[in-house]
Protein backbone atom coordinates (compact mmCIF):
# COMPACT_ATOMS: atom_id res chain seq x y z
CA MET A 1 -8.78 -12.01 16.92
CA ILE A 2 -8.02 -8.51 15.78
CA GLY A 3 -8.53 -6.74 19.02
CA PRO A 4 -11.23 -5.82 21.50
CA VAL A 5 -14.71 -5.85 20.05
CA LYS A 6 -17.73 -4.39 21.73
CA GLN A 7 -20.66 -6.73 22.27
CA GLY A 8 -23.29 -4.55 20.75
CA SER A 9 -25.21 -5.52 17.68
CA PRO A 10 -24.46 -3.23 14.67
CA THR A 11 -27.08 -2.38 12.16
CA ASP A 12 -27.26 -4.20 8.82
CA GLU A 13 -25.65 -1.25 7.13
CA GLN A 14 -22.78 -1.16 9.60
CA THR A 15 -22.22 -4.88 9.12
CA ARG A 16 -22.13 -4.48 5.36
CA GLU A 17 -19.67 -1.59 5.63
CA ALA A 18 -17.29 -3.45 7.97
CA THR A 19 -17.19 -6.45 5.76
CA GLY A 20 -15.79 -4.54 2.81
CA ASN A 21 -17.46 -3.64 -0.43
CA GLY A 22 -20.76 -5.42 0.42
CA THR A 23 -20.10 -8.32 -2.01
CA GLY A 24 -18.89 -10.86 0.48
CA PRO A 25 -20.79 -13.72 2.12
CA ALA A 26 -23.59 -12.81 4.45
CA VAL A 27 -22.69 -12.95 8.18
CA ALA A 28 -24.81 -13.38 11.25
CA SER A 29 -25.95 -10.27 13.26
CA GLY A 30 -23.56 -9.24 16.05
CA SER A 31 -20.16 -7.75 16.05
CA LEU A 32 -18.31 -10.92 17.09
CA ALA A 33 -19.63 -12.58 13.88
CA LEU A 34 -17.54 -10.11 11.86
CA VAL A 35 -14.20 -11.30 13.29
CA ASN A 36 -13.72 -14.12 10.76
CA SER A 37 -15.57 -12.55 7.85
CA GLY A 38 -14.72 -10.12 5.07
CA LEU A 39 -12.13 -7.62 6.15
CA PHE A 40 -11.47 -9.57 9.33
CA ALA A 41 -10.70 -12.99 7.77
CA ASP A 42 -7.34 -14.66 7.62
CA ALA A 43 -7.61 -14.88 3.83
CA SER A 44 -6.32 -11.98 1.75
CA ASN A 45 -9.78 -11.30 0.22
CA PHE A 46 -8.33 -8.81 -2.15
CA ASP A 47 -11.64 -7.92 -3.83
CA LEU A 48 -12.94 -6.83 -0.41
CA ARG A 49 -9.80 -5.26 0.92
CA TYR A 50 -9.01 -3.14 -2.15
CA VAL A 51 -11.11 -0.04 -1.89
CA LEU A 52 -10.36 2.76 -4.35
CA ASP A 53 -13.07 5.21 -3.32
CA TYR A 54 -12.21 7.41 -0.36
CA ASP A 55 -15.82 8.06 0.54
CA ARG A 56 -16.32 4.30 0.76
CA ILE A 57 -13.22 4.07 3.02
CA HIS A 58 -14.65 6.79 5.26
CA ALA A 59 -17.88 4.78 5.63
CA ILE A 60 -15.96 1.53 6.44
CA VAL A 61 -13.93 3.40 9.10
CA GLY A 62 -17.15 4.66 10.64
CA ALA A 63 -18.37 1.14 10.92
CA LEU A 64 -15.07 -0.02 12.46
CA ARG A 65 -15.36 2.67 15.07
CA THR A 66 -18.87 1.59 15.85
CA LEU A 67 -17.33 -1.86 16.70
CA GLY A 68 -14.90 -0.11 19.03
CA LEU A 69 -11.83 -0.65 16.90
CA LYS A 70 -8.80 1.60 16.74
CA VAL A 71 -7.83 2.36 13.16
CA VAL A 72 -4.23 2.81 11.99
CA LEU A 73 -3.15 4.32 8.64
CA THR A 74 0.17 4.18 6.88
CA SER A 75 1.42 4.77 3.30
CA GLY A 76 4.29 3.95 0.97
CA SER A 77 5.43 2.71 -2.44
CA PHE A 78 6.15 -0.87 -1.43
CA ASP A 79 7.99 -1.49 -4.69
CA ILE A 80 9.80 -4.90 -4.84
CA LEU A 81 8.36 -6.01 -1.43
CA HIS A 82 11.21 -6.94 0.97
CA GLU A 83 11.75 -7.86 4.64
CA GLY A 84 11.83 -4.22 5.73
CA HIS A 85 8.35 -3.67 4.24
CA SER A 86 6.92 -6.63 6.06
CA MET A 87 8.49 -5.64 9.31
CA TYR A 88 7.21 -2.06 8.95
CA LEU A 89 3.66 -3.14 8.24
CA GLU A 90 3.74 -5.51 11.20
CA ALA A 91 5.00 -2.79 13.50
CA ALA A 92 2.32 -0.37 12.18
CA ARG A 93 -0.44 -2.88 12.90
CA GLN A 94 0.62 -3.08 16.55
CA PHE A 95 -0.58 0.43 17.14
CA GLY A 96 -4.28 -0.45 16.69
CA ASP A 97 -6.89 -2.99 15.60
CA PHE A 98 -7.25 -2.35 11.92
CA LEU A 99 -4.57 -1.24 9.52
CA ILE A 100 -5.27 0.71 6.28
CA VAL A 101 -2.42 1.09 3.81
CA GLY A 102 -2.30 3.73 1.02
CA LEU A 103 0.00 2.75 -1.87
CA ASP A 104 1.46 5.37 -4.15
CA SER A 105 0.16 4.91 -7.75
CA ASP A 106 2.53 4.16 -10.60
CA GLU A 107 2.15 7.71 -11.80
CA LYS A 108 2.87 9.17 -8.38
CA ILE A 109 6.08 7.11 -8.03
CA ARG A 110 7.26 8.02 -11.54
CA ALA A 111 6.86 11.71 -10.74
CA ARG A 112 9.08 11.31 -7.66
CA LYS A 113 11.59 8.63 -8.61
CA GLY A 114 11.81 8.79 -12.44
CA GLU A 115 10.47 6.85 -15.41
CA ASN A 116 12.14 3.56 -14.45
CA ARG A 117 10.11 3.24 -11.28
CA PRO A 118 8.12 1.49 -10.03
CA VAL A 119 9.52 -1.89 -11.08
CA VAL A 120 6.34 -3.65 -9.92
CA PRO A 121 3.06 -2.23 -11.28
CA GLN A 122 0.48 -0.90 -8.88
CA MET A 123 -2.08 -3.70 -9.04
CA GLU A 124 0.59 -6.28 -8.22
CA ARG A 125 1.95 -4.12 -5.43
CA LEU A 126 -1.61 -3.78 -4.00
CA ARG A 127 -2.10 -7.55 -4.07
CA MET A 128 1.30 -8.23 -2.42
CA VAL A 129 0.60 -5.80 0.44
CA THR A 130 -2.85 -7.28 0.93
CA HIS A 131 -1.14 -10.71 1.43
CA GLN A 132 0.85 -9.28 4.34
CA ARG A 133 -0.30 -10.32 7.78
CA GLY A 134 -2.37 -7.72 9.60
CA VAL A 135 -3.23 -5.53 6.55
CA GLY A 136 -6.96 -4.84 6.70
CA LEU A 137 -7.59 -2.61 3.68
CA VAL A 138 -5.48 -1.19 0.81
CA THR A 139 -6.12 1.77 -1.51
CA LEU A 140 -4.21 3.97 -4.01
CA LYS A 141 -2.85 7.48 -3.62
CA GLN A 142 -3.04 9.32 -6.88
CA THR A 143 -1.12 12.42 -8.09
CA GLY A 144 -4.42 14.29 -8.48
CA HIS A 145 -5.47 13.85 -4.91
CA PRO A 146 -5.35 16.94 -2.63
CA LYS A 147 -2.80 17.08 0.06
CA TRP A 148 -3.46 14.49 2.86
CA ALA A 149 -6.67 13.42 1.12
CA LEU A 150 -6.53 9.83 2.46
CA ILE A 151 -5.62 11.05 5.97
CA LYS A 152 -8.62 13.36 5.92
CA ALA A 153 -10.90 10.53 4.75
CA VAL A 154 -9.71 8.08 7.40
CA ARG A 155 -8.83 10.45 10.28
CA PRO A 156 -6.86 7.59 11.84
CA ASP A 157 -6.46 7.05 15.55
CA VAL A 158 -2.74 6.50 14.74
CA LEU A 159 -0.91 7.63 11.66
CA VAL A 160 2.34 5.68 11.12
CA ALA A 161 5.14 7.18 8.95
CA THR A 162 8.86 6.94 8.28
CA GLU A 163 11.30 9.49 9.57
CA GLU A 164 11.47 11.53 6.37
CA THR A 165 7.72 11.65 5.65
CA TYR A 166 6.67 14.70 7.66
CA THR A 167 8.25 17.73 9.20
CA GLN A 168 7.77 18.47 12.90
CA ASP A 169 5.45 21.36 11.95
CA GLU A 170 3.44 19.01 9.74
CA ILE A 171 3.19 16.43 12.50
CA ARG A 172 1.83 19.04 14.91
CA GLU A 173 -0.76 20.09 12.26
CA LEU A 174 -1.81 16.55 11.54
CA GLU A 175 -2.24 15.74 15.27
CA ALA A 176 -4.20 18.88 15.86
CA LYS A 177 -6.56 18.50 12.89
CA TYR A 178 -6.63 15.05 11.28
CA CYS A 179 -5.46 12.18 13.50
CA GLY A 180 -5.05 11.13 17.10
CA ARG A 181 -1.32 10.87 16.98
CA VAL A 182 1.60 10.33 14.57
CA GLU A 183 4.04 7.53 15.24
CA VAL A 184 7.38 7.78 13.44
CA LEU A 185 9.23 4.52 12.72
CA GLY A 186 12.82 4.15 11.62
CA ARG A 187 13.64 2.10 8.50
CA MET A 188 13.70 -1.62 9.26
CA ALA A 189 15.42 -2.96 6.12
CA THR A 190 19.09 -3.71 5.81
CA VAL A 191 18.76 -2.72 2.13
CA SER A 192 16.47 -0.34 0.22
CA THR A 193 14.54 -1.14 -2.96
CA SER A 194 16.89 1.22 -4.87
CA ALA A 195 19.95 -0.54 -3.46
CA ARG A 196 18.46 -3.92 -4.27
CA LEU A 197 17.83 -2.78 -7.85
CA ARG A 198 21.51 -1.62 -8.19
CA GLU A 199 22.69 -5.00 -6.93
CA ILE A 200 20.54 -6.79 -9.55
CA ILE A 201 21.75 -4.51 -12.36
CA MET A 202 25.45 -4.94 -11.32
CA ALA A 203 25.04 -8.69 -11.10
CA ASN A 204 23.47 -8.90 -14.53
CA PRO A 205 25.27 -6.44 -16.72
CA ALA A 206 24.47 -6.25 -20.38
CA PRO A 207 26.65 -8.72 -22.41
CA PRO A 208 29.46 -6.99 -24.35
CA VAL A 209 29.00 -6.80 -28.07
CA SER A 210 31.72 -8.92 -29.72
CA LYS A 211 33.90 -7.46 -32.51
CA VAL A 212 32.68 -10.18 -34.84
CA ASN A 213 29.00 -9.38 -34.17
CA ALA A 214 29.62 -5.70 -34.37
CA GLY A 215 31.43 -6.08 -37.70
CA SER A 216 28.72 -8.28 -39.04
CA ALA A 217 26.05 -5.75 -38.06
CA ARG A 218 28.01 -2.91 -39.79
CA SER A 219 28.36 -5.00 -42.92
CA LYS A 220 24.65 -5.75 -43.07
CA LEU A 221 23.87 -2.08 -42.50
CA ALA A 222 26.27 -1.03 -45.30
CA SER A 223 24.82 -3.67 -47.64
CA ALA A 224 21.31 -2.57 -46.97
CA THR A 225 22.25 1.13 -47.55
CA ARG A 226 23.82 0.31 -50.92
CA SER A 227 20.85 -1.72 -52.02
CA GLY A 228 18.41 1.01 -50.99
CA LYS A 229 16.71 -1.20 -48.44
């Protein structure tokens, strides 16, 4: 079960919205029938859970609220998924009935962290997060999106963030205009993705070029230069 569900009978359109993109198997009328279908199933159901269009997400959230569900939103890069990510997502899910996760796109991460990041491309990161227990829906946050575009589309009951995400002034504005409340979680990992990458690089340094190989390479270059190759 994903939480308390009202016993009313949603309309056909609400049922379709709550089961994802409308391409999943048909379900019986009645809200309880949705619990093991589409976005509510134990399976990852990536094709249903990955929703790129924010207007579509807004419609799904409306259907979820018709069912009496509390919606939680969080965001992040989730590059090289590790224990801290899993613990963070599990903690976020505890604040409500349905968890939506916005992943930073490859372009957005490169703009913030440099050309060498992310290590894992966005579609793989999306799939990995979808496999995490309790994640109901995933989407991408693009560089071209207006400020807080996903938050404004979802208007979550609870917005979960890490300590460095928002200032106190921003939290007050978010709670006044766009969400029920903001919950700030501390980092739960014993190591960050960046630290893990440094460990990998240090454990696998590039092999030194031997003097013999270097001399051979210089000889081949000189020979090619003399012959005009």
